[in-house]
Amino acid sequence: MNKTIFAIAALSGLLVGTAASAHTAWLVKDSRPGVWRLMFGGHQGKAEPAVPVKLKEVSAIDTRGRALKVSRAIDGADVRLAVAGAPAMIALHYDNGIHTRTSTPGPSVERPMNEVPGAVSATAAQKYGKSIVRWAPVVTRPIGQRLEVIPESAMQPRAGQPMRVQVRLNGRPTAGIKLGRGEDTADATTNANGMASFTPTAGTNKLWAGKRIAMARNPRYTELSYEYLLSFEAR
């Protein structure tokens, strides 16, 4: 991969399918060939300004699994990624920092818990995603993201027809993870093999998955949050 510069109610470790503070990162095609724009936002995909330095990793591979060069152009909060070649998929990791609260519920500040007087909880928010550009066998193979959603079939999904995906956490198929149509819904839950079904609609789909993990004896945050968006087009 090219190197480039989820309060307390969740402490049971259960996944939250519709968290009020959920945010995700994803890519959309730019008007120029071979260029994608970084998007960041909360409910229903509503965009908010991205922070370019929070985009920690981005990578692209072609249908044969070969790595493609990715370069970025930054203009304020606008991040454009240019991919050299024809990608099958583009993957990203966006580190949204540590958000600390002094009351639950209540507003948060983006600082570690041990730096905020009166802090009661803090979340370290990590966002992962993958955009499938061309459907091929390579899209059914894991690429090693800490949280990852992997389609079972290499065929482009059809609207109204269920597709199966596997969710892996730290490289292992994981049960009990909810999936949704964007971050505001929870339509399915993974089984013991990390598998679940999702029914796409025509056009662009954003399949969401997320996991919150309680962190004991950590002075900086009380939970670690992973969120994921698998973006693709269905026929």
Protein backbone atom coordinates (compact mmCIF):
# COMPACT_ATOMS: atom_id res chain seq x y z
CA MET A 1 0.00 0.00 0.00
CA ASN A 2 1.13 3.56 -0.66
CA LYS A 3 1.81 5.49 2.56
CA THR A 4 0.05 8.88 2.72
CA ILE A 5 -0.02 11.32 5.46
CA PHE A 6 -16.38 4.73 17.10
CA ALA A 7 -20.44 6.65 24.73
CA ILE A 8 -20.18 4.71 27.43
CA ALA A 9 -23.29 2.77 26.37
CA ALA A 10 -21.07 0.96 23.90
CA LEU A 11 -18.58 -0.31 26.44
CA SER A 12 -20.12 -3.78 26.36
CA GLY A 13 -18.28 -4.21 23.09
CA LEU A 14 -21.43 -4.63 21.04
CA LEU A 15 -21.51 -3.32 17.52
CA VAL A 16 -23.59 -0.20 17.04
CA GLY A 17 -25.40 -0.15 13.69
CA THR A 18 -26.79 3.38 13.84
CA ALA A 19 -24.49 5.42 16.02
CA ALA A 20 -25.43 9.08 16.33
CA SER A 21 -21.80 10.11 15.88
CA ALA A 22 -21.07 7.79 12.98
CA HIS A 23 -18.90 9.16 10.21
CA THR A 24 -17.40 7.41 7.24
CA ALA A 25 -14.95 8.04 4.42
CA TRP A 26 -15.48 7.06 0.80
CA LEU A 27 -14.46 7.89 -2.75
CA VAL A 28 -16.43 9.24 -5.70
CA LYS A 29 -15.34 9.53 -9.30
CA ASP A 30 -14.21 12.94 -10.41
CA SER A 31 -15.13 14.43 -13.77
CA ARG A 32 -11.59 13.76 -14.94
CA PRO A 33 -10.62 10.22 -16.04
CA GLY A 34 -8.65 8.25 -13.48
CA VAL A 35 -9.34 10.69 -10.65
CA TRP A 36 -11.37 10.10 -7.46
CA ARG A 37 -12.38 12.53 -4.71
CA LEU A 38 -12.20 11.77 -1.00
CA MET A 39 -15.55 12.25 0.76
CA PHE A 40 -16.16 12.35 4.52
CA GLY A 41 -19.42 12.70 6.43
CA GLY A 42 -22.12 11.43 8.75
CA HIS A 43 -25.70 10.33 8.36
CA GLN A 44 -27.09 9.55 4.93
CA GLY A 45 -23.73 10.28 3.38
CA LYS A 46 -23.98 14.02 4.01
CA ALA A 47 -20.57 15.39 3.22
CA GLU A 48 -18.45 17.40 5.65
CA PRO A 49 -14.97 18.81 5.17
CA ALA A 50 -12.30 16.15 5.14
CA VAL A 51 -8.95 16.59 6.87
CA PRO A 52 -6.31 15.59 4.32
CA VAL A 53 -3.68 14.48 6.85
CA LYS A 54 -6.17 11.99 8.32
CA LEU A 55 -6.05 9.95 5.12
CA LYS A 56 -3.32 7.60 6.32
CA GLU A 57 -3.27 5.04 3.56
CA VAL A 58 -4.64 4.66 0.07
CA SER A 59 -3.93 1.89 -2.41
CA ALA A 60 -5.21 0.62 -5.74
CA ILE A 61 -4.88 -2.68 -7.58
CA ASP A 62 -5.85 -3.77 -11.07
CA THR A 63 -7.81 -6.88 -12.10
CA ARG A 64 -4.61 -8.94 -11.94
CA GLY A 65 -3.86 -7.83 -8.41
CA ARG A 66 -1.00 -5.55 -9.37
CA ALA A 67 -0.45 -2.42 -7.30
CA LEU A 68 -1.08 0.85 -9.11
CA LYS A 69 0.50 4.17 -8.29
CA VAL A 70 -1.80 6.61 -6.50
CA SER A 71 -0.96 10.30 -6.22
CA ARG A 72 -2.93 12.99 -4.45
CA ALA A 73 -3.67 16.63 -5.01
CA ILE A 74 -4.83 18.72 -2.03
CA ASP A 75 -6.62 22.05 -2.08
CA GLY A 76 -7.85 22.91 1.42
CA ALA A 77 -10.27 20.13 2.44
CA ASP A 78 -10.48 18.90 -1.15
CA VAL A 79 -8.46 15.71 -1.78
CA ARG A 80 -8.26 14.21 -5.26
CA LEU A 81 -6.58 10.87 -5.93
CA ALA A 82 -5.16 10.10 -9.34
CA VAL A 83 -4.68 6.41 -10.14
CA ALA A 84 -2.17 5.41 -12.79
CA GLY A 85 -3.82 2.61 -14.77
CA ALA A 86 -7.17 0.82 -14.65
CA PRO A 87 -8.06 -0.06 -11.03
CA ALA A 88 -10.27 -2.96 -9.99
CA MET A 89 -10.55 -1.46 -6.51
CA ILE A 90 -9.22 1.40 -4.42
CA ALA A 91 -8.83 1.05 -0.63
CA LEU A 92 -8.38 3.66 2.08
CA HIS A 93 -7.73 4.16 5.78
CA TYR A 94 -8.89 7.45 7.38
CA ASP A 95 -7.91 8.05 11.01
CA ASN A 96 -10.53 10.40 12.46
CA GLY A 97 -8.69 10.87 15.73
CA ILE A 98 -9.74 10.55 19.39
CA HIS A 99 -12.96 12.28 20.46
CA THR A 100 -13.51 12.85 24.18
CA ARG A 101 -16.69 13.70 26.10
CA THR A 102 -17.13 15.23 29.54
CA SER A 103 -20.79 14.16 29.68
CA THR A 104 -22.86 11.42 28.05
CA PRO A 105 -24.55 12.39 25.86
CA GLY A 106 -22.82 15.60 25.05
CA PRO A 107 -20.44 17.31 22.65
CA SER A 108 -16.93 16.02 22.19
CA VAL A 109 -13.51 17.55 21.68
CA GLU A 110 -10.86 16.02 19.49
CA ARG A 111 -8.27 15.31 22.14
CA PRO A 112 -7.24 12.17 24.10
CA MET A 113 -9.15 11.52 27.31
CA ASN A 114 -6.09 12.09 29.50
CA GLU A 115 -5.80 15.64 28.14
CA VAL A 116 -9.39 16.68 28.91
CA PRO A 117 -10.30 17.60 32.52
CA GLY A 118 -13.51 15.87 33.66
CA ALA A 119 -13.49 13.40 30.74
CA VAL A 120 -15.89 10.46 31.09
CA SER A 121 -15.36 8.64 27.77
CA ALA A 122 -13.39 8.83 24.57
CA THR A 123 -13.53 7.11 21.19
CA ALA A 124 -10.65 6.44 18.83
CA ALA A 125 -12.32 6.46 15.40
CA GLN A 126 -10.79 4.52 12.52
CA LYS A 127 -12.43 4.52 9.09
CA TYR A 128 -11.74 2.01 6.35
CA GLY A 129 -13.24 1.62 2.91
CA LYS A 130 -12.99 0.09 -0.49
CA SER A 131 -14.37 1.24 -3.84
CA ILE A 132 -14.87 -1.48 -6.44
CA VAL A 133 -14.35 -0.06 -9.89
CA ARG A 134 -14.13 -3.25 -11.98
CA TRP A 135 -15.50 -6.64 -10.94
CA ALA A 136 -12.97 -9.48 -11.18
CA PRO A 137 -11.79 -12.40 -8.99
CA VAL A 138 -9.34 -10.08 -7.25
CA VAL A 139 -12.20 -8.26 -5.46
CA THR A 140 -13.06 -11.49 -3.58
CA ARG A 141 -9.63 -11.63 -1.93
CA PRO A 142 -8.76 -9.90 1.36
CA ILE A 143 -6.18 -7.14 1.17
CA GLY A 144 -5.37 -6.97 4.88
CA GLN A 145 -7.38 -4.00 6.16
CA ARG A 146 -7.96 -4.14 9.92
CA LEU A 147 -11.72 -4.17 9.28
CA GLU A 148 -12.62 -5.41 5.82
CA VAL A 149 -15.77 -6.29 3.85
CA ILE A 150 -15.15 -8.78 1.04
CA PRO A 151 -17.65 -9.77 -1.68
CA GLU A 152 -18.10 -13.53 -2.14
CA SER A 153 -18.68 -13.30 -5.89
CA ALA A 154 -16.56 -11.67 -8.57
CA MET A 155 -19.68 -10.90 -10.63
CA GLN A 156 -21.07 -7.38 -10.55
CA PRO A 157 -24.15 -7.36 -8.26
CA ARG A 158 -27.64 -6.98 -9.71
CA ALA A 159 -30.20 -4.66 -8.15
CA GLY A 160 -32.73 -6.54 -6.03
CA GLN A 161 -30.66 -9.72 -5.92
CA PRO A 162 -28.92 -10.53 -2.60
CA MET A 163 -25.15 -10.60 -2.60
CA ARG A 164 -23.05 -12.29 0.06
CA VAL A 165 -20.08 -10.69 1.77
CA GLN A 166 -17.65 -11.69 4.47
CA VAL A 167 -16.50 -9.32 7.21
CA ARG A 168 -13.06 -9.77 8.71
CA LEU A 169 -11.65 -8.07 11.79
CA ASN A 170 -7.91 -8.28 12.23
CA GLY A 171 -7.83 -10.78 9.39
CA ARG A 172 -10.38 -13.19 10.89
CA PRO A 173 -14.00 -13.79 9.82
CA THR A 174 -16.10 -12.22 12.58
CA ALA A 175 -19.63 -13.03 13.79
CA GLY A 176 -22.22 -10.56 15.06
CA ILE A 177 -21.31 -7.59 12.93
CA LYS A 178 -24.25 -5.65 11.53
CA LEU A 179 -24.31 -4.40 7.98
CA GLY A 180 -26.37 -1.54 6.66
CA ARG A 181 -27.24 0.62 3.69
CA GLY A 182 -25.05 3.49 4.70
CA GLU A 183 -24.33 4.17 8.36
CA ASP A 184 -27.98 4.84 9.36
CA THR A 185 -29.42 1.34 8.93
CA ALA A 186 -28.70 -2.24 10.02
CA ASP A 187 -30.09 -4.77 7.55
CA ALA A 188 -28.13 -7.95 8.35
CA THR A 189 -25.74 -9.54 10.85
CA THR A 190 -22.75 -11.73 10.07
CA ASN A 191 -22.86 -15.42 11.02
CA ALA A 192 -20.15 -17.57 12.61
CA ASN A 193 -18.20 -17.47 9.37
CA GLY A 194 -18.43 -13.71 9.10
CA MET A 195 -20.91 -14.01 6.22
CA ALA A 196 -24.06 -11.96 5.60
CA SER A 197 -26.31 -11.01 2.69
CA PHE A 198 -27.02 -7.55 1.39
CA THR A 199 -29.51 -6.58 -1.33
CA PRO A 200 -28.22 -3.72 -3.47
CA THR A 201 -30.25 -1.16 -5.36
CA ALA A 202 -29.61 0.05 -8.89
CA GLY A 203 -26.69 2.42 -9.21
CA THR A 204 -24.27 3.39 -6.48
CA ASN A 205 -24.38 1.41 -3.22
CA LYS A 206 -22.55 2.06 0.05
CA LEU A 207 -22.54 -1.04 2.27
CA TRP A 208 -21.69 -0.03 5.86
CA ALA A 209 -20.19 -2.16 8.64
CA GLY A 210 -18.89 -1.14 12.05
CA LYS A 211 -17.51 -2.43 15.33
CA ARG A 212 -16.89 -0.78 18.72
CA ILE A 213 -14.46 -2.40 21.15
CA ALA A 214 -14.18 -1.46 24.84
CA MET A 215 -10.65 -0.62 25.91
CA ALA A 216 -9.74 -1.30 29.55
CA ARG A 217 -6.97 0.59 31.33
CA ASN A 218 -6.26 2.81 28.36
CA PRO A 219 -5.62 6.40 29.49
CA ARG A 220 -6.26 7.90 26.06
CA TYR A 221 -9.65 6.39 25.10
CA THR A 222 -12.35 4.04 26.41
CA GLU A 223 -13.36 2.48 23.11
CA LEU A 224 -11.93 1.76 19.70
CA SER A 225 -14.31 2.28 16.78
CA TYR A 226 -13.99 0.75 13.34
CA GLU A 227 -16.30 1.74 10.49
CA TYR A 228 -16.25 0.55 6.89
CA LEU A 229 -17.87 1.47 3.59
CA LEU A 230 -17.83 -0.84 0.57
CA SER A 231 -18.80 1.27 -2.44
CA PHE A 232 -19.85 -0.27 -5.76
CA GLU A 233 -22.27 -0.02 -8.65
CA ALA A 234 -25.11 -2.56 -9.11
CA ARG A 235 -26.74 -3.21 -12.46
